C-alpha atoms as a PDB file:
ATOM      1  CA  MET A   1      77.136   7.118  75.350  1.00  0.00           C
ATOM      2  CA  ARG A   2      80.677   7.327  76.811  1.00  0.00           C
ATOM      3  CA  ASN A   3      82.728   8.224  80.051  1.00  0.00           C
ATOM      4  CA  ASP A   4      86.036   9.173  79.074  1.00  0.00           C
ATOM      5  CA  ASP A   5      87.966  10.801  81.931  1.00  0.00           C
ATOM      6  CA  GLY A   6      91.096  11.561  79.668  1.00  0.00           C
ATOM      7  CA  TYR A   7      88.806  13.515  77.134  1.00  0.00           C
ATOM      8  CA  ALA A   8      87.456  15.560  80.203  1.00  0.00           C
ATOM      9  CA  ALA A   9      91.083  16.205  81.428  1.00  0.00           C
ATOM     10  CA  ARG A  10      92.054  17.584  78.180  1.00  0.00           C
ATOM     11  CA  LEU A  11      89.233  19.597  77.851  1.00  0.00           C
ATOM     12  CA  VAL A  12      90.157  21.313  81.253  1.00  0.00           C
ATOM     13  CA  GLY A  13      93.394  22.079  80.221  1.00  0.00           C
ATOM     14  CA  PHE A  14      92.397  23.663  77.042  1.00  0.00           C
ATOM     15  CA  GLY A  15      89.505  25.538  78.923  1.00  0.00           C
ATOM     16  CA  ALA A  16      92.170  26.875  81.244  1.00  0.00           C
ATOM     17  CA  ALA A  17      94.129  28.363  78.433  1.00  0.00           C
ATOM     18  CA  VAL A  18      90.890  30.008  76.865  1.00  0.00           C
ATOM     19  CA  THR A  19      90.020  31.537  80.473  1.00  0.00           C
ATOM     20  CA  LEU A  20      93.398  33.183  80.484  1.00  0.00           C
ATOM     21  CA  VAL A  21      92.844  34.536  76.940  1.00  0.00           C
ATOM     22  CA  ALA A  22      89.547  35.685  78.230  1.00  0.00           C
ATOM     23  CA  LEU A  23      91.176  37.339  81.211  1.00  0.00           C
ATOM     24  CA  VAL A  24      93.070  39.532  79.102  1.00  0.00           C
ATOM     25  CA  LEU A  25      90.611  40.416  76.615  1.00  0.00           C
ATOM     26  CA  ILE A  26      88.262  41.432  79.544  1.00  0.00           C
ATOM     27  CA  SER A  27      90.970  43.406  81.447  1.00  0.00           C
ATOM     28  CA  VAL A  28      92.554  45.275  78.554  1.00  0.00           C
ATOM     29  CA  GLY A  29      89.773  45.747  75.973  1.00  0.00           C
ATOM     30  CA  ILE A  30      89.551  44.171  72.570  1.00  0.00           C
ATOM     31  CA  SER A  31      91.473  44.729  69.177  1.00  0.00           C
ATOM     32  CA  THR A  32      90.158  46.207  66.127  1.00  0.00           C
ATOM     33  CA  ALA A  33      89.662  42.751  64.558  1.00  0.00           C
ATOM     34  CA  GLN A  34      87.722  41.741  67.620  1.00  0.00           C
ATOM     35  CA  ALA A  35      85.674  44.823  67.380  1.00  0.00           C
ATOM     36  CA  GLU A  36      84.648  44.004  64.002  1.00  0.00           C
ATOM     37  CA  GLU A  37      83.936  40.425  65.146  1.00  0.00           C
ATOM     38  CA  VAL A  38      81.717  41.792  67.771  1.00  0.00           C
ATOM     39  CA  GLU A  39      79.950  44.327  65.336  1.00  0.00           C
ATOM     40  CA  ALA A  40      79.396  41.453  63.165  1.00  0.00           C
ATOM     41  CA  GLY A  41      77.711  39.427  65.818  1.00  0.00           C
ATOM     42  CA  VAL A  42      79.997  36.445  65.220  1.00  0.00           C
ATOM     43  CA  SER A  43      82.952  35.019  67.389  1.00  0.00           C
ATOM     44  CA  PHE A  44      86.238  33.894  66.313  1.00  0.00           C
ATOM     45  CA  ASP A  45      84.934  30.314  66.466  1.00  0.00           C
ATOM     46  CA  GLY A  46      81.715  30.837  64.772  1.00  0.00           C
ATOM     47  CA  LEU A  47      79.300  31.431  67.540  1.00  0.00           C
ATOM     48  CA  GLU A  48      76.464  34.141  67.149  1.00  0.00           C
ATOM     49  CA  ARG A  49      76.113  36.827  69.731  1.00  0.00           C
ATOM     50  CA  VAL A  50      72.923  36.636  71.564  1.00  0.00           C
ATOM     51  CA  GLU A  51      70.734  39.869  71.210  1.00  0.00           C
ATOM     52  CA  ASN A  52      69.173  41.422  74.317  1.00  0.00           C
ATOM     53  CA  SER A  53      71.200  39.159  76.525  1.00  0.00           C
ATOM     54  CA  LYS A  54      70.928  39.886  80.285  1.00  0.00           C
ATOM     55  CA  VAL A  55      74.787  39.329  80.635  1.00  0.00           C
ATOM     56  CA  ALA A  56      77.633  41.537  79.085  1.00  0.00           C
ATOM     57  CA  LYS A  57      78.512  39.283  76.343  1.00  0.00           C
ATOM     58  CA  ALA A  58      76.752  36.000  75.264  1.00  0.00           C
ATOM     59  CA  TYR A  59      77.346  33.719  72.212  1.00  0.00           C
ATOM     60  CA  ILE A  60      75.686  30.676  71.028  1.00  0.00           C
ATOM     61  CA  ASP A  61      75.932  28.096  68.393  1.00  0.00           C
ATOM     62  CA  PRO A  62      72.668  28.508  66.076  1.00  0.00           C
ATOM     63  CA  ASN A  63      72.862  25.082  65.007  1.00  0.00           C
ATOM     64  CA  ALA A  64      73.005  23.408  68.258  1.00  0.00           C
ATOM     65  CA  ASP A  65      70.003  21.469  69.310  1.00  0.00           C
ATOM     66  CA  PHE A  66      69.857  22.245  73.245  1.00  0.00           C
ATOM     67  CA  SER A  67      66.663  20.224  73.476  1.00  0.00           C
ATOM     68  CA  VAL A  68      68.775  17.035  73.655  1.00  0.00           C
ATOM     69  CA  PHE A  69      70.423  17.916  77.011  1.00  0.00           C
ATOM     70  CA  LYS A  70      68.698  16.519  79.999  1.00  0.00           C
ATOM     71  CA  ARG A  71      71.590  16.199  82.142  1.00  0.00           C
ATOM     72  CA  VAL A  72      74.400  18.608  83.043  1.00  0.00           C
ATOM     73  CA  LYS A  73      78.262  17.871  84.039  1.00  0.00           C
ATOM     74  CA  ILE A  74      79.861  20.993  85.614  1.00  0.00           C
ATOM     75  CA  LEU A  75      83.623  20.969  85.511  1.00  0.00           C
ATOM     76  CA  ASP A  76      85.526  22.309  88.476  1.00  0.00           C
ATOM     77  CA  PRO A  77      85.430  26.095  88.496  1.00  0.00           C
ATOM     78  CA  TYR A  78      88.663  28.190  87.822  1.00  0.00           C
ATOM     79  CA  VAL A  79      89.099  31.271  89.931  1.00  0.00           C
ATOM     80  CA  ALA A  80      91.591  33.845  89.467  1.00  0.00           C
ATOM     81  CA  PHE A  81      92.227  37.115  91.405  1.00  0.00           C
ATOM     82  CA  ARG A  82      92.230  40.510  90.121  1.00  0.00           C
ATOM     83  CA  ARG A  83      95.796  41.575  88.800  1.00  0.00           C
ATOM     84  CA  ASN A  84      98.051  42.801  91.847  1.00  0.00           C
ATOM     85  CA  TRP A  85      95.212  42.000  94.479  1.00  0.00           C
ATOM     86  CA  ARG A  86      97.183  40.614  97.014  1.00  0.00           C
ATOM     87  CA  ARG A  87      99.736  43.442  96.674  1.00  0.00           C
ATOM     88  CA  ASP A  88      96.928  46.145  96.931  1.00  0.00           C
ATOM     89  CA  GLN A  89      95.480  44.299  99.858  1.00  0.00           C
ATOM     90  CA  ASN A  90      98.723  44.125 101.771  1.00  0.00           C
ATOM     91  CA  ARG A  91      99.319  47.840 101.314  1.00  0.00           C
ATOM     92  CA  LEU A  92      96.089  48.615 103.373  1.00  0.00           C
ATOM     93  CA  ARG A  93      96.275  45.975 106.196  1.00  0.00           C
ATOM     94  CA  THR A  94      98.003  45.327 109.407  1.00  0.00           C
ATOM     95  CA  ARG A  95      97.550  41.636 108.813  1.00  0.00           C
ATOM     96  CA  ASN A  96      98.928  40.392 105.470  1.00  0.00           C
ATOM     97  CA  VAL A  97      97.111  38.123 102.961  1.00  0.00           C
ATOM     98  CA  ARG A  98      99.325  35.198 102.626  1.00  0.00           C
ATOM     99  CA  ALA A  99      99.503  32.586  99.654  1.00  0.00           C
ATOM    100  CA  ARG A 100      97.509  30.115 101.831  1.00  0.00           C
ATOM    101  CA  ASP A 101      94.670  32.788 102.321  1.00  0.00           C
ATOM    102  CA  MET A 102      94.364  33.055  98.539  1.00  0.00           C
ATOM    103  CA  GLU A 103      94.296  29.368  97.947  1.00  0.00           C
ATOM    104  CA  ARG A 104      91.426  29.118 100.717  1.00  0.00           C
ATOM    105  CA  ILE A 105      89.522  31.874  99.023  1.00  0.00           C
ATOM    106  CA  ARG A 106      89.844  30.298  95.519  1.00  0.00           C
ATOM    107  CA  ALA A 107      88.774  26.834  97.020  1.00  0.00           C
ATOM    108  CA  ASP A 108      85.866  28.535  98.843  1.00  0.00           C
ATOM    109  CA  VAL A 109      84.833  30.551  95.725  1.00  0.00           C
ATOM    110  CA  ALA A 110      84.768  27.472  93.531  1.00  0.00           C
ATOM    111  CA  SER A 111      82.969  25.278  95.723  1.00  0.00           C
ATOM    112  CA  LEU A 112      80.120  27.954  96.305  1.00  0.00           C
ATOM    113  CA  LEU A 113      79.937  28.454  92.488  1.00  0.00           C
ATOM    114  CA  ALA A 114      79.570  24.861  91.725  1.00  0.00           C
ATOM    115  CA  THR A 115      77.038  24.393  94.578  1.00  0.00           C
ATOM    116  CA  VAL A 116      74.928  27.513  93.334  1.00  0.00           C
ATOM    117  CA  LEU A 117      75.006  26.296  89.696  1.00  0.00           C
ATOM    118  CA  THR A 118      73.800  22.787  90.826  1.00  0.00           C
ATOM    119  CA  GLU A 119      71.052  24.043  93.057  1.00  0.00           C
ATOM    120  CA  ALA A 120      69.675  26.217  90.220  1.00  0.00           C
ATOM    121  CA  LEU A 121      69.912  23.698  87.614  1.00  0.00           C
ATOM    122  CA  GLN A 122      68.246  20.920  89.753  1.00  0.00           C
ATOM    123  CA  ALA A 123      65.500  22.932  91.054  1.00  0.00           C
ATOM    124  CA  GLY A 124      61.947  21.914  90.141  1.00  0.00           C
ATOM    125  CA  ASP A 125      61.909  19.791  87.343  1.00  0.00           C
ATOM    126  CA  GLY A 126      65.353  20.677  86.163  1.00  0.00           C
ATOM    127  CA  PHE A 127      68.328  19.084  85.039  1.00  0.00           C
ATOM    128  CA  GLU A 128      70.185  16.108  86.550  1.00  0.00           C
ATOM    129  CA  VAL A 129      73.829  17.163  87.462  1.00  0.00           C
ATOM    130  CA  VAL A 130      76.064  14.132  86.990  1.00  0.00           C
ATOM    131  CA  ASP A 131      79.872  13.292  86.561  1.00  0.00           C
ATOM    132  CA  VAL A 132      79.740  11.542  83.158  1.00  0.00           C
ATOM    133  CA  THR A 133      79.697  12.382  79.667  1.00  0.00           C
ATOM    134  CA  GLY A 134      76.812  11.296  77.177  1.00  0.00           C
ATOM    135  CA  ASP A 135      74.719  12.234  74.178  1.00  0.00           C
ATOM    136  CA  ASP A 136      72.200  14.059  76.661  1.00  0.00           C
ATOM    137  CA  VAL A 137      74.925  15.595  78.772  1.00  0.00           C
ATOM    138  CA  LEU A 138      75.496  19.551  78.564  1.00  0.00           C
ATOM    139  CA  LEU A 139      79.217  20.138  79.838  1.00  0.00           C
ATOM    140  CA  LEU A 140      79.670  23.365  81.670  1.00  0.00           C
ATOM    141  CA  ARG A 141      83.131  25.015  82.282  1.00  0.00           C
ATOM    142  CA  PRO A 142      82.780  28.020  84.723  1.00  0.00           C
ATOM    143  CA  ALA A 143      85.259  30.514  85.830  1.00  0.00           C
ATOM    144  CA  ILE A 144      85.511  33.394  88.155  1.00  0.00           C
ATOM    145  CA  ILE A 145      88.091  35.872  86.795  1.00  0.00           C
ATOM    146  CA  ASP A 146      89.277  39.381  87.991  1.00  0.00           C
ATOM    147  CA  LEU A 147      88.173  38.322  91.534  1.00  0.00           C
ATOM    148  CA  ASP A 148      88.268  41.378  93.780  1.00  0.00           C
ATOM    149  CA  VAL A 149      87.329  40.539  97.535  1.00  0.00           C
ATOM    150  CA  SER A 150      87.366  44.029  99.316  1.00  0.00           C
ATOM    151  CA  ALA A 151      87.810  42.770 102.615  1.00  0.00           C
ATOM    152  CA  PRO A 152      89.084  39.189 102.931  1.00  0.00           C
ATOM    153  CA  ASP A 153      89.167  37.375 106.207  1.00  0.00           C
ATOM    154  CA  THR A 154      92.658  36.019 106.848  1.00  0.00           C
ATOM    155  CA  MET A 155      91.511  34.036 109.873  1.00  0.00           C
ATOM    156  CA  SER A 156      94.601  35.453 111.756  1.00  0.00           C
ATOM    157  CA  GLY A 157      94.861  35.127 115.506  1.00  0.00           C
ATOM    158  CA  GLY A 158      93.161  38.136 117.450  1.00  0.00           C
ATOM    159  CA  ARG A 159      90.108  39.997 116.629  1.00  0.00           C
ATOM    160  CA  SER A 160      89.668  41.931 113.151  1.00  0.00           C
ATOM    161  CA  THR A 161      87.050  43.860 111.833  1.00  0.00           C
ATOM    162  CA  THR A 162      86.849  45.573 108.397  1.00  0.00           C
ATOM    163  CA  PHE A 163      84.348  48.245 107.434  1.00  0.00           C
ATOM    164  CA  THR A 164      83.774  48.876 103.707  1.00  0.00           C
ATOM    165  CA  THR A 165      80.752  49.851 101.285  1.00  0.00           C
ATOM    166  CA  SER A 166      81.584  46.997  98.867  1.00  0.00           C
ATOM    167  CA  ALA A 167      82.090  43.374  99.166  1.00  0.00           C
ATOM    168  CA  GLY A 168      84.058  43.389  95.983  1.00  0.00           C
ATOM    169  CA  ALA A 169      83.388  42.352  92.443  1.00  0.00           C
ATOM    170  CA  ALA A 170      83.902  39.336  90.010  1.00  0.00           C
ATOM    171  CA  THR A 171      83.699  38.248  86.410  1.00  0.00           C
ATOM    172  CA  LEU A 172      81.850  34.985  85.433  1.00  0.00           C
ATOM    173  CA  TYR A 173      83.115  33.413  82.268  1.00  0.00           C
ATOM    174  CA  LEU A 174      81.163  30.422  81.463  1.00  0.00           C
ATOM    175  CA  GLU A 175      81.567  27.969  78.377  1.00  0.00           C
ATOM    176  CA  LEU A 176      78.932  25.194  77.253  1.00  0.00           C
ATOM    177  CA  TYR A 177      80.181  22.250  75.402  1.00  0.00           C
ATOM    178  CA  ASP A 178      78.558  19.075  73.790  1.00  0.00           C
ATOM    179  CA  SER A 179      80.250  16.671  76.264  1.00  0.00           C
ATOM    180  CA  VAL A 180      80.680  13.625  73.633  1.00  0.00           C
ATOM    181  CA  SER A 181      82.028  15.650  70.669  1.00  0.00           C
ATOM    182  CA  GLY A 182      83.725  18.376  72.771  1.00  0.00           C
ATOM    183  CA  ASP A 183      82.251  21.066  70.412  1.00  0.00           C
ATOM    184  CA  ILE A 184      81.772  24.481  71.987  1.00  0.00           C
ATOM    185  CA  ILE A 185      78.089  25.709  71.943  1.00  0.00           C
ATOM    186  CA  GLY A 186      77.786  28.592  74.136  1.00  0.00           C
ATOM    187  CA  ARG A 187      79.939  31.298  75.742  1.00  0.00           C
ATOM    188  CA  ALA A 188      78.993  34.039  78.301  1.00  0.00           C
ATOM    189  CA  ALA A 189      80.890  36.735  80.414  1.00  0.00           C
ATOM    190  CA  ASP A 190      79.456  39.129  82.834  1.00  0.00           C
ATOM    191  CA  ARG A 191      80.851  41.237  85.611  1.00  0.00           C
ATOM    192  CA  GLN A 192      79.201  42.217  88.856  1.00  0.00           C
ATOM    193  CA  ALA A 193      79.991  44.361  91.886  1.00  0.00           C
ATOM    194  CA  ILE A 194      78.167  43.972  95.215  1.00  0.00           C
ATOM    195  CA  ARG A 195      77.436  47.005  97.422  1.00  0.00           C
ATOM    196  CA  SER A 196      75.990  47.428 100.686  1.00  0.00           C
ATOM    197  CA  ALA A 197      72.453  48.148 101.061  1.00  0.00           C
ATOM    198  CA  GLY A 198      71.820  51.717 100.297  1.00  0.00           C
ATOM    199  CA  ASP A 199      75.530  51.978  99.866  1.00  0.00           C
ATOM    200  CA  GLY A 200      76.098  52.190 103.551  1.00  0.00           C
ATOM    201  CA  ILE A 201      79.301  50.874 105.465  1.00  0.00           C
ATOM    202  CA  SER A 202      79.033  47.327 106.657  1.00  0.00           C
ATOM    203  CA  TRP A 203      81.186  45.101 108.614  1.00  0.00           C
ATOM    204  CA  ARG A 204      82.846  42.385 106.436  1.00  0.00           C
ATOM    205  CA  ASN A 205      83.908  38.963 107.318  1.00  0.00           C
ATOM    206  CA  ARG A 206      84.187  35.652 106.032  1.00  0.00           C
ATOM    207  CA  ALA A 207      80.427  34.667 106.546  1.00  0.00           C
ATOM    208  CA  THR A 208      78.969  38.069 104.889  1.00  0.00           C
ATOM    209  CA  ASN A 209      81.554  37.551 101.907  1.00  0.00           C
ATOM    210  CA  SER A 210      80.259  34.321 101.267  1.00  0.00           C
ATOM    211  CA  ALA A 211      76.568  35.436 101.602  1.00  0.00           C
ATOM    212  CA  ASP A 212      77.375  38.270  99.287  1.00  0.00           C
ATOM    213  CA  ALA A 213      79.035  35.790  96.665  1.00  0.00           C
ATOM    214  CA  ARG A 214      76.133  33.309  97.111  1.00  0.00           C
ATOM    215  CA  ARG A 215      73.609  36.176  96.008  1.00  0.00           C
ATOM    216  CA  MET A 216      75.773  37.193  92.960  1.00  0.00           C
ATOM    217  CA  PHE A 217      76.325  33.587  91.674  1.00  0.00           C
ATOM    218  CA  ARG A 218      72.503  32.805  92.180  1.00  0.00           C
ATOM    219  CA  ARG A 219      71.832  35.616  89.847  1.00  0.00           C
ATOM    220  CA  TRP A 220      74.058  34.212  87.177  1.00  0.00           C
ATOM    221  CA  ALA A 221      72.931  30.548  87.933  1.00  0.00           C
ATOM    222  CA  ASN A 222      69.364  31.600  87.417  1.00  0.00           C
ATOM    223  CA  LEU A 223      70.105  33.365  84.226  1.00  0.00           C
ATOM    224  CA  LEU A 224      71.614  30.099  82.940  1.00  0.00           C
ATOM    225  CA  ARG A 225      68.617  27.972  84.064  1.00  0.00           C
ATOM    226  CA  SER A 226      66.153  30.558  82.494  1.00  0.00           C
ATOM    227  CA  PHE A 227      68.230  30.752  79.216  1.00  0.00           C
ATOM    228  CA  LEU A 228      68.049  26.879  79.064  1.00  0.00           C
ATOM    229  CA  ASP A 229      64.392  26.584  80.109  1.00  0.00           C
ATOM    230  CA  GLN A 230      63.040  29.268  77.759  1.00  0.00           C
ATOM    231  CA  HIS A 231      64.973  28.868  74.612  1.00  0.00           C
ATOM    232  CA  TYR A 232      66.462  25.542  74.235  1.00  0.00           C
ATOM    233  CA  THR A 233      64.743  22.751  76.241  1.00  0.00           C
ATOM    234  CA  LYS A 234      61.527  20.839  75.316  1.00  0.00           C
END
């Protein structure tokens, strides 16, 4: 077992680059070569597509032994907004979204996603979430991309109310690694949108946005926990 912070840092940098590639692929579609790859059921790096997955795309290393993983390390989530999100928001608002508003939203989303993943993985007789690497440690590198918050709370002075039928949408991009070797052994991507109950019009603010995001993240976290419990752990 080892605790190599330098290795983890290099992995984070590599993962961020992969996230940007994934963002482009998800946003603009897939090329002919990639379409053939999907049809064949094998990713560019040898992962096999999971059939009947409950997410849009899921790939796994068929030779990986997930039963060895008893603990999980979660890297800090990467968060990226939908392209031109700030520009589009500021066309419709009396109080502009500022750079510091985006940084706060990114930080809030990253913290909430890490919290929800931790809660789901640790629930019951689940996994211990740790800050180290080791032979029994599964490394998760989560990202939220194409984040589209319909009614961001800029926390400006004065009273502001925003009504909308949708809280927004986001894409989860998740990679699973062997924490010692650095081998990627799983990948998943899924996009979800949150709408008001009955598609009615609701008042949106920071509290309601957070509650909506938590529900979305909990669904993804529970799917991950179920995936590990039912198929890859003893």
